[in-house]
């Protein structure tokens, strides 16, 4: 095999890998938005699929919850997401893991008190589960 053939093959492989990462980034971005939508419409089956069993969920007020605590709190309506707008997050892929960072507007009712809060967040996903990716960790901070 000539040196030129090796270079052409290397470029083809790199192009395929780049396209696969780009497609996976789009897929994860869609799932990330679906998770927000599931929180708003209270689709607990979808949320159950989208969260790992060992997820760590850190709210902007510092409350830390495991998966079941988070889902139970949503079911009880102690916290209710009325709307979430979080356009264009940054998605960085690391093999079977990904870090999603962004800024969003969250309209939420906590203990029957409505508020609108602007948050910066970091979400960590890993490849797995029925939908292909699951949330492993969430941390958000209120923007003053």
N, C-alpha and C. Protein backbone atom coordinates (compact mmCIF):
# COMPACT_ATOMS: atom_id res chain seq x y z
N UNK A 1 0.85 -1.17 0.00
CA UNK A 1 0.00 0.00 0.00
C UNK A 1 0.90 1.23 0.00
N UNK A 2 0.57 2.14 -0.87
CA UNK A 2 1.39 3.34 -1.01
C UNK A 2 1.12 4.30 0.15
N UNK A 3 2.03 5.23 0.33
CA UNK A 3 1.87 6.25 1.37
C UNK A 3 0.63 7.09 1.10
N UNK A 4 0.36 7.37 -0.17
CA UNK A 4 -0.83 8.15 -0.52
C UNK A 4 -2.10 7.41 -0.14
N UNK A 5 -2.16 6.11 -0.36
CA UNK A 5 -3.32 5.29 0.00
C UNK A 5 -3.55 5.31 1.51
N UNK A 6 -2.47 5.25 2.27
CA UNK A 6 -2.58 5.29 3.73
C UNK A 6 -3.15 6.63 4.18
N UNK A 7 -2.70 7.72 3.57
CA UNK A 7 -3.21 9.05 3.92
C UNK A 7 -4.69 9.16 3.57
N UNK A 8 -5.09 8.67 2.40
CA UNK A 8 -6.50 8.73 1.99
C UNK A 8 -7.35 7.93 2.97
N UNK A 9 -6.91 6.73 3.34
CA UNK A 9 -7.66 5.92 4.30
C UNK A 9 -7.76 6.61 5.66
N UNK A 10 -6.68 7.22 6.10
CA UNK A 10 -6.69 7.93 7.38
C UNK A 10 -7.69 9.08 7.35
N UNK A 11 -7.74 9.80 6.25
CA UNK A 11 -8.69 10.92 6.12
C UNK A 11 -10.12 10.40 6.13
N UNK A 12 -10.37 9.29 5.42
CA UNK A 12 -11.71 8.70 5.39
C UNK A 12 -12.14 8.25 6.78
N UNK A 13 -11.26 7.59 7.53
CA UNK A 13 -11.59 7.15 8.88
C UNK A 13 -11.84 8.34 9.80
N UNK A 14 -11.02 9.36 9.69
CA UNK A 14 -11.19 10.56 10.52
C UNK A 14 -12.51 11.24 10.19
N UNK A 15 -12.87 11.29 8.93
CA UNK A 15 -14.14 11.91 8.51
C UNK A 15 -15.32 11.14 9.07
N UNK A 16 -15.27 9.81 9.03
CA UNK A 16 -16.35 8.98 9.58
C UNK A 16 -16.46 9.18 11.08
N UNK A 17 -15.33 9.21 11.78
CA UNK A 17 -15.34 9.39 13.23
C UNK A 17 -15.90 10.75 13.60
N UNK A 18 -15.53 11.79 12.86
CA UNK A 18 -16.04 13.14 13.13
C UNK A 18 -17.53 13.20 12.90
N UNK A 19 -18.00 12.57 11.83
CA UNK A 19 -19.44 12.56 11.54
C UNK A 19 -20.19 11.80 12.62
N UNK A 20 -19.65 10.67 13.09
CA UNK A 20 -20.29 9.90 14.15
C UNK A 20 -20.41 10.71 15.44
N UNK A 21 -19.36 11.44 15.80
CA UNK A 21 -19.38 12.27 17.00
C UNK A 21 -20.41 13.39 16.84
N UNK A 22 -20.45 14.00 15.67
CA UNK A 22 -21.42 15.08 15.42
C UNK A 22 -22.84 14.54 15.52
N UNK A 23 -23.10 13.37 14.94
CA UNK A 23 -24.44 12.77 15.02
C UNK A 23 -24.80 12.43 16.46
N UNK A 24 -23.85 11.92 17.20
CA UNK A 24 -24.10 11.57 18.60
C UNK A 24 -24.34 12.82 19.44
N UNK A 25 -23.65 13.89 19.13
CA UNK A 25 -23.85 15.17 19.82
C UNK A 25 -25.28 15.68 19.59
N UNK A 26 -25.76 15.56 18.36
CA UNK A 26 -27.14 15.96 18.03
C UNK A 26 -28.13 15.07 18.79
N UNK A 27 -27.89 13.78 18.78
CA UNK A 27 -28.76 12.84 19.48
C UNK A 27 -28.83 13.17 20.97
N UNK A 28 -27.69 13.44 21.59
CA UNK A 28 -27.67 13.77 23.01
C UNK A 28 -28.36 15.11 23.28
N UNK A 29 -28.15 16.09 22.41
CA UNK A 29 -28.83 17.38 22.57
C UNK A 29 -30.34 17.21 22.54
N UNK A 30 -30.84 16.36 21.65
CA UNK A 30 -32.27 16.08 21.58
C UNK A 30 -32.76 15.43 22.87
N UNK A 31 -32.00 14.48 23.37
CA UNK A 31 -32.38 13.80 24.62
C UNK A 31 -32.36 14.76 25.80
N UNK A 32 -31.39 15.64 25.82
CA UNK A 32 -31.27 16.64 26.89
C UNK A 32 -32.54 17.51 26.90
N UNK A 33 -32.98 17.94 25.73
CA UNK A 33 -34.23 18.73 25.64
C UNK A 33 -35.44 17.89 26.01
N UNK A 34 -35.44 16.62 25.63
CA UNK A 34 -36.55 15.74 25.99
C UNK A 34 -36.64 15.56 27.51
N UNK A 35 -35.50 15.54 28.18
CA UNK A 35 -35.51 15.42 29.65
C UNK A 35 -36.16 16.66 30.26
N UNK A 36 -35.81 17.84 29.78
CA UNK A 36 -36.45 19.05 30.28
C UNK A 36 -37.96 19.01 30.03
N UNK A 37 -38.35 18.59 28.83
CA UNK A 37 -39.78 18.51 28.50
C UNK A 37 -40.49 17.51 29.40
N UNK A 38 -39.86 16.38 29.66
CA UNK A 38 -40.45 15.37 30.55
C UNK A 38 -40.65 15.92 31.96
N UNK A 39 -39.74 16.79 32.39
CA UNK A 39 -39.90 17.42 33.71
C UNK A 39 -41.11 18.34 33.72
N UNK A 40 -41.32 19.08 32.64
CA UNK A 40 -42.43 20.03 32.57
C UNK A 40 -43.77 19.30 32.46
N UNK A 41 -43.85 18.29 31.61
CA UNK A 41 -45.12 17.58 31.42
C UNK A 41 -45.31 16.45 32.42
N UNK A 42 -44.33 16.26 33.28
CA UNK A 42 -44.41 15.28 34.37
C UNK A 42 -44.51 13.85 33.83
N UNK A 43 -43.66 13.55 32.86
CA UNK A 43 -43.60 12.21 32.27
C UNK A 43 -42.59 11.39 33.06
N UNK A 44 -43.07 10.75 34.11
CA UNK A 44 -42.19 10.04 35.03
C UNK A 44 -41.57 8.79 34.41
N UNK A 45 -42.27 8.16 33.46
CA UNK A 45 -41.69 7.00 32.78
C UNK A 45 -40.46 7.42 31.96
N UNK A 46 -40.60 8.52 31.23
CA UNK A 46 -39.46 9.02 30.45
C UNK A 46 -38.31 9.41 31.38
N UNK A 47 -38.62 10.12 32.45
CA UNK A 47 -37.56 10.52 33.39
C UNK A 47 -36.88 9.30 34.00
N UNK A 48 -37.64 8.28 34.31
CA UNK A 48 -37.06 7.06 34.87
C UNK A 48 -36.03 6.45 33.92
N UNK A 49 -36.32 6.51 32.62
CA UNK A 49 -35.38 5.99 31.61
C UNK A 49 -34.18 6.90 31.42
N UNK A 50 -34.38 8.20 31.58
CA UNK A 50 -33.32 9.17 31.26
C UNK A 50 -32.35 9.41 32.41
N UNK A 51 -32.67 8.91 33.61
CA UNK A 51 -31.79 9.09 34.77
C UNK A 51 -31.17 7.75 35.15
N UNK A 52 -29.86 7.76 35.42
CA UNK A 52 -29.24 6.53 35.90
C UNK A 52 -29.75 6.24 37.31
N UNK A 53 -29.60 5.01 37.73
CA UNK A 53 -30.03 4.64 39.09
C UNK A 53 -29.22 5.39 40.15
N UNK A 54 -27.98 5.74 39.82
CA UNK A 54 -27.12 6.40 40.80
C UNK A 54 -26.93 7.89 40.51
N UNK A 55 -27.90 8.51 39.80
CA UNK A 55 -27.79 9.93 39.48
C UNK A 55 -27.67 10.77 40.76
N UNK A 56 -26.88 11.82 40.67
CA UNK A 56 -26.78 12.81 41.74
C UNK A 56 -27.33 14.11 41.17
N UNK A 57 -28.39 14.63 41.79
CA UNK A 57 -29.09 15.81 41.28
C UNK A 57 -28.94 16.93 42.30
N UNK A 58 -28.15 17.94 41.95
CA UNK A 58 -27.91 19.08 42.85
C UNK A 58 -28.68 20.28 42.32
N UNK A 59 -29.69 20.71 43.08
CA UNK A 59 -30.51 21.85 42.70
C UNK A 59 -29.77 23.16 42.99
N UNK A 60 -30.27 24.23 42.41
CA UNK A 60 -29.63 25.54 42.57
C UNK A 60 -29.66 26.05 44.01
N UNK A 61 -30.57 25.50 44.83
CA UNK A 61 -30.62 25.90 46.25
C UNK A 61 -29.71 25.04 47.12
N UNK A 62 -28.96 24.13 46.50
CA UNK A 62 -28.03 23.28 47.23
C UNK A 62 -28.61 21.95 47.64
N UNK A 63 -29.90 21.72 47.45
CA UNK A 63 -30.50 20.43 47.79
C UNK A 63 -29.92 19.35 46.88
N UNK A 64 -29.56 18.22 47.50
CA UNK A 64 -28.97 17.10 46.76
C UNK A 64 -29.94 15.93 46.85
N UNK A 65 -30.26 15.36 45.69
CA UNK A 65 -31.21 14.25 45.67
C UNK A 65 -30.68 13.10 44.82
N UNK A 66 -31.06 11.90 45.24
CA UNK A 66 -30.85 10.71 44.43
C UNK A 66 -32.06 10.57 43.49
N UNK A 67 -32.01 9.61 42.60
CA UNK A 67 -33.06 9.45 41.59
C UNK A 67 -34.46 9.37 42.22
N UNK A 68 -34.64 8.45 43.15
CA UNK A 68 -35.98 8.26 43.72
C UNK A 68 -36.46 9.49 44.47
N UNK A 69 -35.56 10.17 45.17
CA UNK A 69 -35.94 11.39 45.88
C UNK A 69 -36.41 12.46 44.89
N UNK A 70 -35.68 12.62 43.80
CA UNK A 70 -36.04 13.60 42.79
C UNK A 70 -37.41 13.28 42.18
N UNK A 71 -37.61 12.03 41.79
CA UNK A 71 -38.88 11.64 41.19
C UNK A 71 -40.03 11.77 42.19
N UNK A 72 -39.79 11.37 43.44
CA UNK A 72 -40.83 11.50 44.47
C UNK A 72 -41.21 12.95 44.71
N UNK A 73 -40.21 13.82 44.72
CA UNK A 73 -40.47 15.26 44.92
C UNK A 73 -41.30 15.82 43.77
N UNK A 74 -40.99 15.41 42.54
CA UNK A 74 -41.79 15.84 41.39
C UNK A 74 -43.22 15.30 41.47
N UNK A 75 -43.36 14.03 41.83
CA UNK A 75 -44.69 13.43 41.93
C UNK A 75 -45.54 14.13 43.00
N UNK A 76 -44.92 14.52 44.07
CA UNK A 76 -45.65 15.15 45.19
C UNK A 76 -46.04 16.59 44.87
N UNK A 77 -45.48 17.13 43.81
CA UNK A 77 -45.68 18.52 43.40
C UNK A 77 -45.08 19.53 44.38
N UNK A 78 -44.19 19.07 45.26
CA UNK A 78 -43.43 20.03 46.07
C UNK A 78 -42.57 20.89 45.17
N UNK A 79 -42.20 20.32 44.02
CA UNK A 79 -41.53 21.09 42.98
C UNK A 79 -42.22 20.76 41.66
N UNK A 80 -42.53 21.80 40.93
CA UNK A 80 -43.20 21.63 39.65
C UNK A 80 -42.57 22.59 38.65
N UNK A 81 -42.05 22.02 37.58
CA UNK A 81 -41.46 22.83 36.52
C UNK A 81 -42.57 23.25 35.56
N UNK A 82 -42.82 24.54 35.47
CA UNK A 82 -43.87 25.06 34.59
C UNK A 82 -43.36 25.27 33.17
N UNK A 83 -42.12 25.66 33.04
CA UNK A 83 -41.49 25.87 31.72
C UNK A 83 -39.98 25.87 31.89
N UNK A 84 -39.30 25.35 30.88
CA UNK A 84 -37.84 25.37 30.86
C UNK A 84 -37.42 25.79 29.46
N UNK A 85 -36.62 26.84 29.39
CA UNK A 85 -36.05 27.29 28.12
C UNK A 85 -34.54 27.32 28.30
N UNK A 86 -33.88 26.40 27.62
CA UNK A 86 -32.43 26.30 27.73
C UNK A 86 -31.84 26.04 26.35
N UNK A 87 -31.76 27.08 25.54
CA UNK A 87 -31.29 26.91 24.16
C UNK A 87 -29.78 26.71 24.06
N UNK A 88 -29.40 25.97 23.06
CA UNK A 88 -28.00 25.86 22.62
C UNK A 88 -26.98 25.54 23.71
N UNK A 89 -27.13 24.42 24.39
CA UNK A 89 -26.09 24.06 25.35
C UNK A 89 -24.82 23.63 24.63
N UNK A 90 -23.71 23.73 25.32
CA UNK A 90 -22.44 23.21 24.79
C UNK A 90 -22.35 21.74 25.16
N UNK A 91 -22.02 20.91 24.19
CA UNK A 91 -21.95 19.47 24.43
C UNK A 91 -20.55 19.00 24.06
N UNK A 92 -19.86 18.44 25.05
CA UNK A 92 -18.52 17.90 24.83
C UNK A 92 -18.56 16.40 25.05
N UNK A 93 -18.11 15.67 24.06
CA UNK A 93 -18.16 14.21 24.07
C UNK A 93 -16.80 13.65 24.51
N UNK A 94 -16.86 12.61 25.35
CA UNK A 94 -15.66 11.92 25.82
C UNK A 94 -15.93 10.42 25.77
N UNK A 95 -15.94 9.85 24.59
CA UNK A 95 -16.23 8.43 24.44
C UNK A 95 -17.66 8.13 24.85
N UNK A 96 -17.83 7.33 25.89
CA UNK A 96 -19.15 6.96 26.38
C UNK A 96 -19.69 7.91 27.43
N UNK A 97 -19.06 9.08 27.58
CA UNK A 97 -19.52 10.11 28.52
C UNK A 97 -19.60 11.44 27.78
N UNK A 98 -20.41 12.33 28.34
CA UNK A 98 -20.54 13.66 27.75
C UNK A 98 -20.86 14.67 28.84
N UNK A 99 -20.37 15.87 28.66
CA UNK A 99 -20.64 16.97 29.58
C UNK A 99 -21.43 18.02 28.79
N UNK A 100 -22.59 18.40 29.35
CA UNK A 100 -23.45 19.40 28.73
C UNK A 100 -23.49 20.60 29.66
N UNK A 101 -23.13 21.77 29.16
CA UNK A 101 -23.19 22.99 29.97
C UNK A 101 -24.07 24.00 29.26
N UNK A 102 -24.79 24.76 30.06
CA UNK A 102 -25.67 25.74 29.44
C UNK A 102 -26.23 26.73 30.43
N UNK A 103 -27.09 27.55 29.90
CA UNK A 103 -27.80 28.56 30.68
C UNK A 103 -29.26 28.45 30.29
N UNK A 104 -30.15 28.54 31.28
CA UNK A 104 -31.56 28.41 30.97
C UNK A 104 -32.44 29.20 31.90
N UNK A 105 -33.67 29.42 31.43
CA UNK A 105 -34.70 30.07 32.23
C UNK A 105 -35.66 28.98 32.71
N UNK A 106 -35.81 28.87 34.00
CA UNK A 106 -36.63 27.84 34.61
C UNK A 106 -37.78 28.50 35.36
N UNK A 107 -39.00 28.21 34.95
CA UNK A 107 -40.19 28.66 35.68
C UNK A 107 -40.61 27.49 36.55
N UNK A 108 -40.59 27.69 37.85
CA UNK A 108 -40.78 26.59 38.78
C UNK A 108 -41.70 27.01 39.93
N UNK A 109 -42.43 26.04 40.44
CA UNK A 109 -43.22 26.24 41.65
C UNK A 109 -42.62 25.33 42.71
N UNK A 110 -42.17 25.93 43.81
CA UNK A 110 -41.60 25.17 44.92
C UNK A 110 -42.46 25.44 46.14
N UNK A 111 -43.02 24.37 46.69
CA UNK A 111 -43.91 24.49 47.85
C UNK A 111 -44.97 25.57 47.63
N UNK A 112 -45.57 25.53 46.44
CA UNK A 112 -46.67 26.42 46.03
C UNK A 112 -46.25 27.88 45.82
N UNK A 113 -44.98 28.16 45.76
CA UNK A 113 -44.48 29.51 45.47
C UNK A 113 -43.85 29.52 44.08
N UNK A 114 -44.41 30.35 43.20
CA UNK A 114 -43.90 30.46 41.84
C UNK A 114 -42.66 31.34 41.80
N UNK A 115 -41.71 30.93 40.97
CA UNK A 115 -40.55 31.78 40.73
C UNK A 115 -40.00 31.48 39.34
N UNK A 116 -39.31 32.44 38.81
CA UNK A 116 -38.60 32.30 37.55
C UNK A 116 -37.14 32.53 37.86
N UNK A 117 -36.31 31.59 37.49
CA UNK A 117 -34.90 31.68 37.84
C UNK A 117 -34.06 31.39 36.60
N UNK A 118 -32.99 32.13 36.49
CA UNK A 118 -32.00 31.93 35.43
C UNK A 118 -30.88 31.07 36.04
N UNK A 119 -30.57 29.97 35.38
CA UNK A 119 -29.58 29.04 35.90
C UNK A 119 -28.44 28.79 34.92
N UNK A 120 -27.27 28.60 35.47
CA UNK A 120 -26.15 27.99 34.75
C UNK A 120 -26.12 26.54 35.21
N UNK A 121 -25.86 25.61 34.30
CA UNK A 121 -25.90 24.21 34.71
C UNK A 121 -24.82 23.38 34.03
N UNK A 122 -24.51 22.29 34.68
CA UNK A 122 -23.65 21.26 34.12
C UNK A 122 -24.38 19.93 34.28
N UNK A 123 -24.51 19.21 33.19
CA UNK A 123 -25.13 17.88 33.19
C UNK A 123 -24.12 16.89 32.63
N UNK A 124 -23.96 15.77 33.31
CA UNK A 124 -23.05 14.73 32.85
C UNK A 124 -23.89 13.52 32.46
N UNK A 125 -23.66 13.04 31.24
CA UNK A 125 -24.39 11.88 30.73
C UNK A 125 -23.40 10.75 30.45
N UNK A 126 -23.93 9.53 30.46
CA UNK A 126 -23.14 8.39 29.99
C UNK A 126 -23.99 7.58 29.04
N UNK A 127 -23.31 6.97 28.10
CA UNK A 127 -24.01 6.16 27.10
C UNK A 127 -24.58 4.93 27.80
N UNK A 128 -25.86 4.66 27.53
CA UNK A 128 -26.51 3.49 28.11
C UNK A 128 -28.01 3.71 28.19
N UNK A 129 -28.71 2.72 28.65
CA UNK A 129 -30.14 2.86 28.81
C UNK A 129 -30.90 2.69 27.50
N UNK A 130 -32.20 2.71 27.61
CA UNK A 130 -33.09 2.49 26.47
C UNK A 130 -32.91 3.55 25.39
N UNK A 131 -32.73 4.79 25.79
CA UNK A 131 -32.66 5.90 24.82
C UNK A 131 -31.23 6.21 24.37
N UNK A 132 -30.26 5.49 24.85
CA UNK A 132 -28.89 5.69 24.40
C UNK A 132 -28.01 6.48 25.35
N UNK A 133 -28.58 7.44 26.07
CA UNK A 133 -27.83 8.24 27.03
C UNK A 133 -28.67 8.41 28.30
N UNK A 134 -28.00 8.48 29.44
CA UNK A 134 -28.68 8.73 30.71
C UNK A 134 -27.92 9.77 31.51
N UNK A 135 -28.67 10.56 32.26
CA UNK A 135 -28.08 11.58 33.11
C UNK A 135 -27.46 10.93 34.34
N UNK A 136 -26.19 11.26 34.60
CA UNK A 136 -25.45 10.75 35.76
C UNK A 136 -25.39 11.80 36.86
N UNK A 137 -25.27 13.07 36.44
CA UNK A 137 -25.09 14.13 37.42
C UNK A 137 -25.63 15.45 36.86
N UNK A 138 -26.24 16.24 37.76
CA UNK A 138 -26.77 17.56 37.42
C UNK A 138 -26.37 18.50 38.54
N UNK A 139 -25.89 19.67 38.16
CA UNK A 139 -25.61 20.71 39.14
C UNK A 139 -25.96 22.03 38.51
N UNK A 140 -26.71 22.85 39.25
CA UNK A 140 -27.11 24.16 38.72
C UNK A 140 -26.83 25.25 39.74
N UNK A 141 -26.62 26.44 39.22
CA UNK A 141 -26.34 27.61 40.03
C UNK A 141 -27.20 28.76 39.53
N UNK A 142 -27.86 29.44 40.45
CA UNK A 142 -28.68 30.59 40.08
C UNK A 142 -27.78 31.74 39.64
N UNK A 143 -28.20 32.41 38.57
CA UNK A 143 -27.48 33.58 38.09
C UNK A 143 -28.05 34.79 38.85
N UNK A 144 -27.18 35.55 39.54
CA UNK A 144 -27.70 36.70 40.31
C UNK A 144 -28.31 37.76 39.42
